Amino acid sequence: QVQVVESGGGLVHPGGSLRLSCVASGSVRIFSIHAMGWYRQAPGKQRELVATASSLDSDTATNYVDSVKGRFTVSRDNGAKTVHLQMNSLKPEDTAVYYCYADLTFYDGSYVRATYWGQGTQVTVSS
């Protein structure tokens, strides 16, 4: 019904930048997006929240894990149902699979709220 697809991962040197993008789409009408954001999971570690962009009245509230504050920026385009993660000053410890999520409500005869996840995109920071 709803798919979430990430793009933009890759290999980058320490200090470099990458921009991840994610789009939510589907065969149903997406009525409202409550939040979109990014988690990551490094080998041998638990999945952690990286950044979120949540709807707050007519505005968007952003939240970041402490380790990426000042380096990463999350932004949403509600009309395009996309979220981006601009990652600057990348460090080897940022190496992980990055997963996008979308917390949304769709209409398929009735209103349904659910969270959908992408397949993940690999980000590797290495010299």
PDB file of N, CA and C in Angstrom:
ATOM      1  N   GLN A   1       0.823  -1.200   0.000  1.00  0.00           N
ATOM      2  CA  GLN A   1       0.000   0.000   0.000  1.00  0.00           C
ATOM      3  C   GLN A   1       0.859   1.251   0.000  1.00  0.00           C
ATOM      4  N   VAL A   2       1.867   1.275   0.878  1.00  0.00           N
ATOM      5  CA  VAL A   2       2.791   2.403   0.955  1.00  0.00           C
ATOM      6  C   VAL A   2       4.214   1.885   0.889  1.00  0.00           C
ATOM      7  N   GLN A   3       5.027   2.560   0.119  1.00  0.00           N
ATOM      8  CA  GLN A   3       6.447   2.215   0.028  1.00  0.00           C
ATOM      9  C   GLN A   3       7.271   3.426   0.445  1.00  0.00           C
ATOM     10  N   VAL A   4       8.394   3.120   1.074  1.00  0.00           N
ATOM     11  CA  VAL A   4       9.352   4.146   1.452  1.00  0.00           C
ATOM     12  C   VAL A   4      10.689   3.750   0.840  1.00  0.00           C
ATOM     13  N   VAL A   5      11.255   4.620   0.032  1.00  0.00           N
ATOM     14  CA  VAL A   5      12.468   4.279  -0.713  1.00  0.00           C
ATOM     15  C   VAL A   5      13.536   5.331  -0.452  1.00  0.00           C
ATOM     16  N   GLU A   6      14.721   4.844  -0.029  1.00  0.00           N
ATOM     17  CA  GLU A   6      15.850   5.739   0.221  1.00  0.00           C
ATOM     18  C   GLU A   6      16.789   5.759  -0.981  1.00  0.00           C
ATOM     19  N   SER A   7      17.586   6.817  -1.045  1.00  0.00           N
ATOM     20  CA  SER A   7      18.643   6.911  -2.043  1.00  0.00           C
ATOM     21  C   SER A   7      19.735   7.827  -1.507  1.00  0.00           C
ATOM     22  N   GLY A   8      20.933   7.713  -2.101  1.00  0.00           N
ATOM     23  CA  GLY A   8      21.984   8.669  -1.786  1.00  0.00           C
ATOM     24  C   GLY A   8      23.120   8.149  -0.941  1.00  0.00           C
ATOM     25  N   GLY A   9      23.100   6.908  -0.529  1.00  0.00           N
ATOM     26  CA  GLY A   9      24.213   6.405   0.264  1.00  0.00           C
ATOM     27  C   GLY A   9      25.455   6.210  -0.580  1.00  0.00           C
ATOM     28  N   GLY A  10      26.539   5.835   0.066  1.00  0.00           N
ATOM     29  CA  GLY A  10      27.778   5.584  -0.653  1.00  0.00           C
ATOM     30  C   GLY A  10      28.993   5.639   0.241  1.00  0.00           C
ATOM     31  N   LEU A  11      30.142   5.713  -0.406  1.00  0.00           N
ATOM     32  CA  LEU A  11      31.441   5.758   0.279  1.00  0.00           C
ATOM     33  C   LEU A  11      31.981   7.182   0.220  1.00  0.00           C
ATOM     34  N   VAL A  12      32.427   7.683   1.358  1.00  0.00           N
ATOM     35  CA  VAL A  12      32.946   9.050   1.412  1.00  0.00           C
ATOM     36  C   VAL A  12      34.121   9.088   2.380  1.00  0.00           C
ATOM     37  N   HIS A  13      35.057   9.995   2.128  1.00  0.00           N
ATOM     38  CA  HIS A  13      36.203  10.160   3.024  1.00  0.00           C
ATOM     39  C   HIS A  13      35.783  10.913   4.275  1.00  0.00           C
ATOM     40  N   PRO A  14      36.504  10.720   5.368  1.00  0.00           N
ATOM     41  CA  PRO A  14      36.221  11.518   6.573  1.00  0.00           C
ATOM     42  C   PRO A  14      36.277  13.007   6.269  1.00  0.00           C
ATOM     43  N   GLY A  15      35.308  13.742   6.806  1.00  0.00           N
ATOM     44  CA  GLY A  15      35.203  15.158   6.526  1.00  0.00           C
ATOM     45  C   GLY A  15      34.328  15.483   5.328  1.00  0.00           C
ATOM     46  N   GLY A  16      33.959  14.482   4.576  1.00  0.00           N
ATOM     47  CA  GLY A  16      33.137  14.680   3.393  1.00  0.00           C
ATOM     48  C   GLY A  16      31.657  14.804   3.711  1.00  0.00           C
ATOM     49  N   SER A  17      30.869  14.895   2.651  1.00  0.00           N
ATOM     50  CA  SER A  17      29.426  15.096   2.786  1.00  0.00           C
ATOM     51  C   SER A  17      28.658  14.111   1.917  1.00  0.00           C
ATOM     52  N   LEU A  18      27.466  13.802   2.360  1.00  0.00           N
ATOM     53  CA  LEU A  18      26.512  13.011   1.589  1.00  0.00           C
ATOM     54  C   LEU A  18      25.115  13.555   1.863  1.00  0.00           C
ATOM     55  N   ARG A  19      24.242  13.352   0.896  1.00  0.00           N
ATOM     56  CA  ARG A  19      22.848  13.762   1.069  1.00  0.00           C
ATOM     57  C   ARG A  19      21.969  12.546   0.794  1.00  0.00           C
ATOM     58  N   LEU A  20      21.218  12.143   1.802  1.00  0.00           N
ATOM     59  CA  LEU A  20      20.272  11.046   1.660  1.00  0.00           C
ATOM     60  C   LEU A  20      18.887  11.611   1.383  1.00  0.00           C
ATOM     61  N   SER A  21      18.149  10.886   0.563  1.00  0.00           N
ATOM     62  CA  SER A  21      16.777  11.279   0.268  1.00  0.00           C
ATOM     63  C   SER A  21      15.851  10.090   0.455  1.00  0.00           C
ATOM     64  N   CYS A  22      14.596  10.383   0.722  1.00  0.00           N
ATOM     65  CA  CYS A  22      13.619   9.324   0.963  1.00  0.00           C
ATOM     66  C   CYS A  22      12.259   9.828   0.503  1.00  0.00           C
ATOM     67  N   VAL A  23      11.534   8.983  -0.195  1.00  0.00           N
ATOM     68  CA  VAL A  23      10.211   9.358  -0.665  1.00  0.00           C
ATOM     69  C   VAL A  23       9.201   8.298  -0.265  1.00  0.00           C
ATOM     70  N   ALA A  24       8.035   8.747   0.158  1.00  0.00           N
ATOM     71  CA  ALA A  24       6.920   7.858   0.495  1.00  0.00           C
ATOM     72  C   ALA A  24       5.888   7.931  -0.627  1.00  0.00           C
ATOM     73  N   SER A  25       5.452   6.766  -1.079  1.00  0.00           N
ATOM     74  CA  SER A  25       4.457   6.725  -2.148  1.00  0.00           C
ATOM     75  C   SER A  25       3.631   5.461  -1.979  1.00  0.00           C
ATOM     76  N   GLY A  26       2.526   5.392  -2.747  1.00  0.00           N
ATOM     77  CA  GLY A  26       1.735   4.184  -2.632  1.00  0.00           C
ATOM     78  C   GLY A  26       0.508   4.191  -3.513  1.00  0.00           C
ATOM     79  N   SER A  27      -0.190   3.084  -3.455  1.00  0.00           N
ATOM     80  CA  SER A  27      -1.400   2.920  -4.247  1.00  0.00           C
ATOM     81  C   SER A  27      -2.615   3.514  -3.536  1.00  0.00           C
ATOM     82  N   VAL A  28      -2.412   3.944  -2.291  1.00  0.00           N
ATOM     83  CA  VAL A  28      -3.482   4.563  -1.531  1.00  0.00           C
ATOM     84  C   VAL A  28      -3.208   6.056  -1.415  1.00  0.00           C
ATOM     85  N   ARG A  29      -4.216   6.803  -0.995  1.00  0.00           N
ATOM     86  CA  ARG A  29      -4.040   8.248  -0.842  1.00  0.00           C
ATOM     87  C   ARG A  29      -3.425   8.525   0.521  1.00  0.00           C
ATOM     88  N   ILE A  30      -2.225   9.077   0.493  1.00  0.00           N
ATOM     89  CA  ILE A  30      -1.576   9.462   1.741  1.00  0.00           C
ATOM     90  C   ILE A  30      -2.201  10.777   2.184  1.00  0.00           C
ATOM     91  N   PHE A  31      -2.912  10.701   3.306  1.00  0.00           N
ATOM     92  CA  PHE A  31      -3.692  11.848   3.768  1.00  0.00           C
ATOM     93  C   PHE A  31      -2.835  12.836   4.548  1.00  0.00           C
ATOM     94  N   SER A  32      -1.975  12.319   5.393  1.00  0.00           N
ATOM     95  CA  SER A  32      -1.172  13.190   6.239  1.00  0.00           C
ATOM     96  C   SER A  32       0.110  12.479   6.649  1.00  0.00           C
ATOM     97  N   ILE A  33       1.193  13.237   6.663  1.00  0.00           N
ATOM     98  CA  ILE A  33       2.464  12.690   7.156  1.00  0.00           C
ATOM     99  C   ILE A  33       2.765  13.345   8.499  1.00  0.00           C
ATOM    100  N   HIS A  34       2.835  12.546   9.537  1.00  0.00           N
ATOM    101  CA  HIS A  34       3.049  13.064  10.889  1.00  0.00           C
ATOM    102  C   HIS A  34       4.535  13.268  11.177  1.00  0.00           C
ATOM    103  N   ALA A  35       5.352  12.397  10.657  1.00  0.00           N
ATOM    104  CA  ALA A  35       6.796  12.514  10.866  1.00  0.00           C
ATOM    105  C   ALA A  35       7.524  11.668   9.836  1.00  0.00           C
ATOM    106  N   MET A  36       8.673  12.129   9.445  1.00  0.00           N
ATOM    107  CA  MET A  36       9.612  11.347   8.633  1.00  0.00           C
ATOM    108  C   MET A  36      10.989  11.567   9.222  1.00  0.00           C
ATOM    109  N   GLY A  37      11.825  10.573   9.066  1.00  0.00           N
ATOM    110  CA  GLY A  37      13.155  10.750   9.621  1.00  0.00           C
ATOM    111  C   GLY A  37      14.044   9.580   9.315  1.00  0.00           C
ATOM    112  N   TRP A  38      15.142   9.524  10.064  1.00  0.00           N
ATOM    113  CA  TRP A  38      16.197   8.553   9.781  1.00  0.00           C
ATOM    114  C   TRP A  38      16.689   7.879  11.056  1.00  0.00           C
ATOM    115  N   TYR A  39      16.869   6.582  10.952  1.00  0.00           N
ATOM    116  CA  TYR A  39      17.576   5.790  11.936  1.00  0.00           C
ATOM    117  C   TYR A  39      18.815   5.228  11.255  1.00  0.00           C
ATOM    118  N   ARG A  40      19.728   4.731  12.039  1.00  0.00           N
ATOM    119  CA  ARG A  40      20.882   4.042  11.478  1.00  0.00           C
ATOM    120  C   ARG A  40      21.263   2.868  12.370  1.00  0.00           C
ATOM    121  N   GLN A  41      21.917   1.907  11.736  1.00  0.00           N
ATOM    122  CA  GLN A  41      22.386   0.735  12.479  1.00  0.00           C
ATOM    123  C   GLN A  41      23.775   0.364  11.989  1.00  0.00           C
ATOM    124  N   ALA A  42      24.722   0.446  12.897  1.00  0.00           N
ATOM    125  CA  ALA A  42      26.093   0.056  12.597  1.00  0.00           C
ATOM    126  C   ALA A  42      26.270  -1.414  12.954  1.00  0.00           C
ATOM    127  N   PRO A  43      27.258  -2.076  12.354  1.00  0.00           N
ATOM    128  CA  PRO A  43      27.484  -3.502  12.649  1.00  0.00           C
ATOM    129  C   PRO A  43      27.677  -3.748  14.143  1.00  0.00           C
ATOM    130  N   GLY A  44      26.929  -4.687  14.684  1.00  0.00           N
ATOM    131  CA  GLY A  44      27.060  -5.045  16.080  1.00  0.00           C
ATOM    132  C   GLY A  44      26.411  -4.087  17.055  1.00  0.00           C
ATOM    133  N   LYS A  45      25.700  -3.101  16.522  1.00  0.00           N
ATOM    134  CA  LYS A  45      25.067  -2.111  17.389  1.00  0.00           C
ATOM    135  C   LYS A  45      23.560  -2.083  17.161  1.00  0.00           C
ATOM    136  N   GLN A  46      22.856  -1.518  18.143  1.00  0.00           N
ATOM    137  CA  GLN A  46      21.415  -1.368  17.991  1.00  0.00           C
ATOM    138  C   GLN A  46      21.087  -0.214  17.059  1.00  0.00           C
ATOM    139  N   ARG A  47      19.907  -0.294  16.476  1.00  0.00           N
ATOM    140  CA  ARG A  47      19.446   0.803  15.632  1.00  0.00           C
ATOM    141  C   ARG A  47      19.210   2.026  16.504  1.00  0.00           C
ATOM    142  N   GLU A  48      19.691   3.180  16.022  1.00  0.00           N
ATOM    143  CA  GLU A  48      19.509   4.408  16.785  1.00  0.00           C
ATOM    144  C   GLU A  48      18.860   5.487  15.930  1.00  0.00           C
ATOM    145  N   LEU A  49      18.098   6.336  16.615  1.00  0.00           N
ATOM    146  CA  LEU A  49      17.473   7.461  15.946  1.00  0.00           C
ATOM    147  C   LEU A  49      18.534   8.500  15.613  1.00  0.00           C
ATOM    148  N   VAL A  50      18.543   8.951  14.369  1.00  0.00           N
ATOM    149  CA  VAL A  50      19.501   9.957  13.933  1.00  0.00           C
ATOM    150  C   VAL A  50      18.854  11.335  13.887  1.00  0.00           C
ATOM    151  N   ALA A  51      17.741  11.441  13.172  1.00  0.00           N
ATOM    152  CA  ALA A  51      17.094  12.742  13.008  1.00  0.00           C
ATOM    153  C   ALA A  51      15.642  12.527  12.622  1.00  0.00           C
ATOM    154  N   THR A  52      14.790  13.407  13.123  1.00  0.00           N
ATOM    155  CA  THR A  52      13.380  13.345  12.769  1.00  0.00           C
ATOM    156  C   THR A  52      12.874  14.739  12.406  1.00  0.00           C
ATOM    157  N   ALA A  53      11.868  14.758  11.557  1.00  0.00           N
ATOM    158  CA  ALA A  53      11.170  15.990  11.211  1.00  0.00           C
ATOM    159  C   ALA A  53       9.688  15.718  11.408  1.00  0.00           C
ATOM    160  N   SER A  54       9.123  16.298  12.470  1.00  0.00           N
ATOM    161  CA  SER A  54       7.752  16.009  12.857  1.00  0.00           C
ATOM    162  C   SER A  54       6.861  17.212  12.602  1.00  0.00           C
ATOM    163  N   SER A  55       5.642  16.933  12.203  1.00  0.00           N
ATOM    164  CA  SER A  55       4.686  18.014  11.983  1.00  0.00           C
ATOM    165  C   SER A  55       4.242  18.571  13.319  1.00  0.00           C
ATOM    166  N   LEU A  56       4.289  19.876  13.435  1.00  0.00           N
ATOM    167  CA  LEU A  56       3.878  20.559  14.654  1.00  0.00           C
ATOM    168  C   LEU A  56       3.009  21.717  14.214  1.00  0.00           C
ATOM    169  N   ASP A  57       1.675  21.527  14.333  1.00  0.00           N
ATOM    170  CA  ASP A  57       0.722  22.493  13.795  1.00  0.00           C
ATOM    171  C   ASP A  57       1.065  22.723  12.330  1.00  0.00           C
ATOM    172  N   SER A  58       1.381  23.918  11.931  1.00  0.00           N
ATOM    173  CA  SER A  58       1.708  24.200  10.534  1.00  0.00           C
ATOM    174  C   SER A  58       3.207  24.257  10.310  1.00  0.00           C
ATOM    175  N   ASP A  59       3.964  23.895  11.326  1.00  0.00           N
ATOM    176  CA  ASP A  59       5.413  23.970  11.243  1.00  0.00           C
ATOM    177  C   ASP A  59       6.009  22.561  11.333  1.00  0.00           C
ATOM    178  N   THR A  60       7.315  22.473  11.259  1.00  0.00           N
ATOM    179  CA  THR A  60       8.026  21.203  11.364  1.00  0.00           C
ATOM    180  C   THR A  60       9.042  21.295  12.485  1.00  0.00           C
ATOM    181  N   ALA A  61       9.005  20.342  13.373  1.00  0.00           N
ATOM    182  CA  ALA A  61       9.964  20.286  14.471  1.00  0.00           C
ATOM    183  C   ALA A  61      11.015  19.238  14.158  1.00  0.00           C
ATOM    184  N   THR A  62      12.273  19.581  14.346  1.00  0.00           N
ATOM    185  CA  THR A  62      13.366  18.647  14.069  1.00  0.00           C
ATOM    186  C   THR A  62      14.037  18.240  15.365  1.00  0.00           C
ATOM    187  N   ASN A  63      14.588  17.042  15.338  1.00  0.00           N
ATOM    188  CA  ASN A  63      15.261  16.498  16.509  1.00  0.00           C
ATOM    189  C   ASN A  63      16.429  15.657  16.031  1.00  0.00           C
ATOM    190  N   TYR A  64      17.547  15.717  16.753  1.00  0.00           N
ATOM    191  CA  TYR A  64      18.762  15.012  16.357  1.00  0.00           C
ATOM    192  C   TYR A  64      19.375  14.284  17.546  1.00  0.00           C
ATOM    193  N   VAL A  65      20.027  13.183  17.247  1.00  0.00           N
ATOM    194  CA  VAL A  65      20.852  12.549  18.269  1.00  0.00           C
ATOM    195  C   VAL A  65      22.062  13.450  18.513  1.00  0.00           C
ATOM    196  N   ASP A  66      22.551  13.496  19.722  1.00  0.00           N
ATOM    197  CA  ASP A  66      23.618  14.438  20.074  1.00  0.00           C
ATOM    198  C   ASP A  66      24.849  14.312  19.180  1.00  0.00           C
ATOM    199  N   SER A  67      25.176  13.106  18.777  1.00  0.00           N
ATOM    200  CA  SER A  67      26.414  12.882  18.036  1.00  0.00           C
ATOM    201  C   SER A  67      26.413  13.498  16.643  1.00  0.00           C
ATOM    202  N   VAL A  68      25.254  13.896  16.131  1.00  0.00           N
ATOM    203  CA  VAL A  68      25.213  14.473  14.777  1.00  0.00           C
ATOM    204  C   VAL A  68      24.805  15.948  14.787  1.00  0.00           C
ATOM    205  N   LYS A  69      24.492  16.489  15.945  1.00  0.00           N
ATOM    206  CA  LYS A  69      24.075  17.889  16.017  1.00  0.00           C
ATOM    207  C   LYS A  69      25.173  18.799  15.485  1.00  0.00           C
ATOM    208  N   GLY A  70      24.778  19.750  14.652  1.00  0.00           N
ATOM    209  CA  GLY A  70      25.725  20.666  14.054  1.00  0.00           C
ATOM    210  C   GLY A  70      26.361  20.143  12.779  1.00  0.00           C
ATOM    211  N   ARG A  71      26.168  18.858  12.489  1.00  0.00           N
ATOM    212  CA  ARG A  71      26.747  18.271  11.274  1.00  0.00           C
ATOM    213  C   ARG A  71      25.672  17.806  10.285  1.00  0.00           C
ATOM    214  N   PHE A  72      24.575  17.297  10.813  1.00  0.00           N
ATOM    215  CA  PHE A  72      23.510  16.771   9.958  1.00  0.00           C
ATOM    216  C   PHE A  72      22.313  17.727   9.996  1.00  0.00           C
ATOM    217  N   THR A  73      21.608  17.793   8.877  1.00  0.00           N
ATOM    218  CA  THR A  73      20.395  18.594   8.797  1.00  0.00           C
ATOM    219  C   THR A  73      19.297  17.776   8.124  1.00  0.00           C
ATOM    220  N   VAL A  74      18.159  17.666   8.789  1.00  0.00           N
ATOM    221  CA  VAL A  74      17.018  16.954   8.222  1.00  0.00           C
ATOM    222  C   VAL A  74      16.014  17.989   7.723  1.00  0.00           C
ATOM    223  N   SER A  75      15.422  17.693   6.562  1.00  0.00           N
ATOM    224  CA  SER A  75      14.426  18.611   6.010  1.00  0.00           C
ATOM    225  C   SER A  75      13.342  17.808   5.310  1.00  0.00           C
ATOM    226  N   ARG A  76      12.137  18.337   5.326  1.00  0.00           N
ATOM    227  CA  ARG A  76      10.995  17.674   4.703  1.00  0.00           C
ATOM    228  C   ARG A  76      10.389  18.546   3.630  1.00  0.00           C
ATOM    229  N   ASP A  77       9.884  17.864   2.605  1.00  0.00           N
ATOM    230  CA  ASP A  77       9.060  18.506   1.582  1.00  0.00           C
ATOM    231  C   ASP A  77       7.721  17.788   1.625  1.00  0.00           C
ATOM    232  N   ASN A  78       6.758  18.376   2.308  1.00  0.00           N
ATOM    233  CA  ASN A  78       5.486  17.687   2.514  1.00  0.00           C
ATOM    234  C   ASN A  78       4.751  17.422   1.205  1.00  0.00           C
ATOM    235  N   GLY A  79       4.805  18.390   0.297  1.00  0.00           N
ATOM    236  CA  GLY A  79       4.107  18.201  -0.967  1.00  0.00           C
ATOM    237  C   GLY A  79       4.651  17.023  -1.753  1.00  0.00           C
ATOM    238  N   ALA A  80       5.952  16.835  -1.703  1.00  0.00           N
ATOM    239  CA  ALA A  80       6.589  15.749  -2.436  1.00  0.00           C
ATOM    240  C   ALA A  80       6.707  14.488  -1.590  1.00  0.00           C
ATOM    241  N   LYS A  81       6.276  14.568  -0.327  1.00  0.00           N
ATOM    242  CA  LYS A  81       6.341  13.428   0.597  1.00  0.00           C
ATOM    243  C   LYS A  81       7.769  12.878   0.687  1.00  0.00           C
ATOM    244  N   THR A  82       8.699  13.783   0.822  1.00  0.00           N
ATOM    245  CA  THR A  82      10.105  13.404   0.896  1.00  0.00           C
ATOM    246  C   THR A  82      10.756  13.977   2.158  1.00  0.00           C
ATOM    247  N   VAL A  83      11.835  13.326   2.535  1.00  0.00           N
ATOM    248  CA  VAL A  83      12.684  13.821   3.606  1.00  0.00           C
ATOM    249  C   VAL A  83      14.123  13.651   3.165  1.00  0.00           C
ATOM    250  N   HIS A  84      14.937  14.617   3.513  1.00  0.00           N
ATOM    251  CA  HIS A  84      16.351  14.585   3.155  1.00  0.00           C
ATOM    252  C   HIS A  84      17.193  14.649   4.414  1.00  0.00           C
ATOM    253  N   LEU A  85      18.378  14.088   4.316  1.00  0.00           N
ATOM    254  CA  LEU A  85      19.346  14.180   5.408  1.00  0.00           C
ATOM    255  C   LEU A  85      20.662  14.641   4.809  1.00  0.00           C
ATOM    256  N   GLN A  86      21.012  15.878   5.059  1.00  0.00           N
ATOM    257  CA  GLN A  86      22.289  16.416   4.617  1.00  0.00           C
ATOM    258  C   GLN A  86      23.311  16.122   5.698  1.00  0.00           C
ATOM    259  N   MET A  87      24.332  15.370   5.334  1.00  0.00           N
ATOM    260  CA  MET A  87      25.344  14.943   6.300  1.00  0.00           C
ATOM    261  C   MET A  87      26.683  15.575   5.930  1.00  0.00           C
ATOM    262  N   ASN A  88      27.184  16.426   6.784  1.00  0.00           N
ATOM    263  CA  ASN A  88      28.467  17.101   6.579  1.00  0.00           C
ATOM    264  C   ASN A  88      29.463  16.660   7.640  1.00  0.00           C
ATOM    265  N   SER A  89      30.717  16.921   7.377  1.00  0.00           N
ATOM    266  CA  SER A  89      31.784  16.593   8.327  1.00  0.00           C
ATOM    267  C   SER A  89      31.661  15.155   8.813  1.00  0.00           C
ATOM    268  N   LEU A  90      31.494  14.252   7.884  1.00  0.00           N
ATOM    269  CA  LEU A  90      31.269  12.853   8.231  1.00  0.00           C
ATOM    270  C   LEU A  90      32.484  12.239   8.907  1.00  0.00           C
ATOM    271  N   LYS A  91      32.200  11.345   9.832  1.00  0.00           N
ATOM    272  CA  LYS A  91      33.230  10.664  10.606  1.00  0.00           C
ATOM    273  C   LYS A  91      33.110   9.156  10.386  1.00  0.00           C
ATOM    274  N   PRO A  92      34.184   8.422  10.606  1.00  0.00           N
ATOM    275  CA  PRO A  92      34.094   6.953  10.460  1.00  0.00           C
ATOM    276  C   PRO A  92      32.982   6.349  11.325  1.00  0.00           C
ATOM    277  N   GLU A  93      32.728   6.921  12.479  1.00  0.00           N
ATOM    278  CA  GLU A  93      31.681   6.386  13.345  1.00  0.00           C
ATOM    279  C   GLU A  93      30.264   6.636  12.824  1.00  0.00           C
ATOM    280  N   ASP A  94      30.143   7.387  11.735  1.00  0.00           N
ATOM    281  CA  ASP A  94      28.842   7.558  11.087  1.00  0.00           C
ATOM    282  C   ASP A  94      28.534   6.397  10.137  1.00  0.00           C
ATOM    283  N   THR A  95      29.505   5.536   9.929  1.00  0.00           N
ATOM    284  CA  THR A  95      29.305   4.381   9.057  1.00  0.00           C
ATOM    285  C   THR A  95      28.188   3.494   9.591  1.00  0.00           C
ATOM    286  N   ALA A  96      27.189   3.256   8.752  1.00  0.00           N
ATOM    287  CA  ALA A  96      26.028   2.466   9.158  1.00  0.00           C
ATOM    288  C   ALA A  96      25.103   2.307   7.965  1.00  0.00           C
ATOM    289  N   VAL A  97      24.106   1.448   8.150  1.00  0.00           N
ATOM    290  CA  VAL A  97      22.982   1.427   7.218  1.00  0.00           C
ATOM    291  C   VAL A  97      21.956   2.426   7.748  1.00  0.00           C
ATOM    292  N   TYR A  98      21.552   3.335   6.891  1.00  0.00           N
ATOM    293  CA  TYR A  98      20.598   4.371   7.266  1.00  0.00           C
ATOM    294  C   TYR A  98      19.210   4.002   6.759  1.00  0.00           C
ATOM    295  N   TYR A  99      18.246   4.020   7.662  1.00  0.00           N
ATOM    296  CA  TYR A  99      16.875   3.655   7.347  1.00  0.00           C
ATOM    297  C   TYR A  99      15.964   4.872   7.472  1.00  0.00           C
ATOM    298  N   CYS A 100      15.143   5.045   6.470  1.00  0.00           N
ATOM    299  CA  CYS A 100      14.131   6.103   6.503  1.00  0.00           C
ATOM    300  C   CYS A 100      12.817   5.518   7.027  1.00  0.00           C
ATOM    301  N   TYR A 101      12.074   6.337   7.740  1.00  0.00           N
ATOM    302  CA  TYR A 101      10.744   5.919   8.159  1.00  0.00           C
ATOM    303  C   TYR A 101       9.758   7.043   7.883  1.00  0.00           C
ATOM    304  N   ALA A 102       8.507   6.640   7.735  1.00  0.00           N
ATOM    305  CA  ALA A 102       7.428   7.616   7.554  1.00  0.00           C
ATOM    306  C   ALA A 102       6.248   7.196   8.427  1.00  0.00           C
ATOM    307  N   ASP A 103       5.869   8.068   9.308  1.00  0.00           N
ATOM    308  CA  ASP A 103       4.693   7.885  10.169  1.00  0.00           C
ATOM    309  C   ASP A 103       3.568   8.692   9.518  1.00  0.00           C
ATOM    310  N   LEU A 104       2.591   7.998   8.965  1.00  0.00           N
ATOM    311  CA  LEU A 104       1.604   8.693   8.153  1.00  0.00           C
ATOM    312  C   LEU A 104       0.217   8.106   8.325  1.00  0.00           C
ATOM    313  N   THR A 105      -0.755   8.836   7.816  1.00  0.00           N
ATOM    314  CA  THR A 105      -2.129   8.358   7.750  1.00  0.00           C
ATOM    315  C   THR A 105      -2.535   8.295   6.286  1.00  0.00           C
ATOM    316  N   PHE A 106      -3.066   7.150   5.881  1.00  0.00           N
ATOM    317  CA  PHE A 106      -3.571   7.036   4.523  1.00  0.00           C
ATOM    318  C   PHE A 106      -5.049   6.698   4.554  1.00  0.00           C
ATOM    319  N   TYR A 107      -5.713   6.898   3.409  1.00  0.00           N
ATOM    320  CA  TYR A 107      -7.132   6.611   3.295  1.00  0.00           C
ATOM    321  C   TYR A 107      -7.315   5.486   2.281  1.00  0.00           C
ATOM    322  N   ASP A 108      -7.960   4.416   2.739  1.00  0.00           N
ATOM    323  CA  ASP A 108      -8.249   3.265   1.881  1.00  0.00           C
ATOM    324  C   ASP A 108      -9.611   2.727   2.258  1.00  0.00           C
ATOM    325  N   GLY A 109     -10.596   3.621   2.197  1.00  0.00           N
ATOM    326  CA  GLY A 109     -11.924   3.263   2.684  1.00  0.00           C
ATOM    327  C   GLY A 109     -12.130   3.726   4.109  1.00  0.00           C
ATOM    328  N   SER A 110     -11.062   3.794   4.839  1.00  0.00           N
ATOM    329  CA  SER A 110     -11.040   4.348   6.184  1.00  0.00           C
ATOM    330  C   SER A 110      -9.650   4.938   6.415  1.00  0.00           C
ATOM    331  N   TYR A 111      -9.533   5.745   7.441  1.00  0.00           N
ATOM    332  CA  TYR A 111      -8.241   6.359   7.735  1.00  0.00           C
ATOM    333  C   TYR A 111      -7.418   5.403   8.590  1.00  0.00           C
ATOM    334  N   VAL A 112      -6.184   5.177   8.161  1.00  0.00           N
ATOM    335  CA  VAL A 112      -5.295   4.257   8.860  1.00  0.00           C
ATOM    336  C   VAL A 112      -3.968   4.950   9.100  1.00  0.00           C
ATOM    337  N   ARG A 113      -3.527   4.926  10.335  1.00  0.00           N
ATOM    338  CA  ARG A 113      -2.214   5.478  10.656  1.00  0.00           C
ATOM    339  C   ARG A 113      -1.235   4.334  10.855  1.00  0.00           C
ATOM    340  N   ALA A 114      -0.066   4.440  10.214  1.00  0.00           N
ATOM    341  CA  ALA A 114       0.932   3.384  10.318  1.00  0.00           C
ATOM    342  C   ALA A 114       2.316   3.969  10.051  1.00  0.00           C
ATOM    343  N   THR A 115       3.325   3.216  10.436  1.00  0.00           N
ATOM    344  CA  THR A 115       4.719   3.604  10.183  1.00  0.00           C
ATOM    345  C   THR A 115       5.328   2.634   9.193  1.00  0.00           C
ATOM    346  N   TYR A 116       5.973   3.195   8.185  1.00  0.00           N
ATOM    347  CA  TYR A 116       6.603   2.395   7.137  1.00  0.00           C
ATOM    348  C   TYR A 116       8.103   2.672   7.114  1.00  0.00           C
ATOM    349  N   TRP A 117       8.853   1.636   6.741  1.00  0.00           N
ATOM    350  CA  TRP A 117      10.306   1.706   6.728  1.00  0.00           C
ATOM    351  C   TRP A 117      10.854   1.410   5.339  1.00  0.00           C
ATOM    352  N   GLY A 118      11.952   2.063   5.027  1.00  0.00           N
ATOM    353  CA  GLY A 118      12.659   1.742   3.807  1.00  0.00           C
ATOM    354  C   GLY A 118      13.579   0.557   4.005  1.00  0.00           C
ATOM    355  N   GLN A 119      14.221   0.141   2.930  1.00  0.00           N
ATOM    356  CA  GLN A 119      15.105  -1.023   2.962  1.00  0.00           C
ATOM    357  C   GLN A 119      16.482  -0.681   3.521  1.00  0.00           C
ATOM    358  N   GLY A 120      16.803   0.588   3.556  1.00  0.00           N
ATOM    359  CA  GLY A 120      18.097   1.001   4.087  1.00  0.00           C
ATOM    360  C   GLY A 120      19.084   1.318   2.979  1.00  0.00           C
ATOM    361  N   THR A 121      19.974   2.247   3.282  1.00  0.00           N
ATOM    362  CA  THR A 121      21.041   2.604   2.349  1.00  0.00           C
ATOM    363  C   THR A 121      22.349   2.690   3.123  1.00  0.00           C
ATOM    364  N   GLN A 122      23.395   2.110   2.548  1.00  0.00           N
ATOM    365  CA  GLN A 122      24.679   2.019   3.244  1.00  0.00           C
ATOM    366  C   GLN A 122      25.448   3.326   3.125  1.00  0.00           C
ATOM    367  N   VAL A 123      25.941   3.797   4.245  1.00  0.00           N
ATOM    368  CA  VAL A 123      26.850   4.942   4.277  1.00  0.00           C
ATOM    369  C   VAL A 123      28.153   4.456   4.906  1.00  0.00           C
ATOM    370  N   THR A 124      29.233   4.609   4.174  1.00  0.00           N
ATOM    371  CA  THR A 124      30.547   4.201   4.660  1.00  0.00           C
ATOM    372  C   THR A 124      31.485   5.391   4.630  1.00  0.00           C
ATOM    373  N   VAL A 125      32.068   5.688   5.771  1.00  0.00           N
ATOM    374  CA  VAL A 125      33.014   6.800   5.884  1.00  0.00           C
ATOM    375  C   VAL A 125      34.381   6.198   6.186  1.00  0.00           C
ATOM    376  N   SER A 126      35.264   6.299   5.214  1.00  0.00           N
ATOM    377  CA  SER A 126      36.564   5.647   5.351  1.00  0.00           C
ATOM    378  C   SER A 126      37.588   6.332   4.462  1.00  0.00           C
ATOM    379  N   SER A 127      38.817   6.328   4.931  1.00  0.00           N
ATOM    380  CA  SER A 127      39.887   6.866   4.105  1.00  0.00           C
ATOM    381  C   SER A 127      40.539   5.766   3.284  1.00  0.00           C
TER     382      SER A 127
END
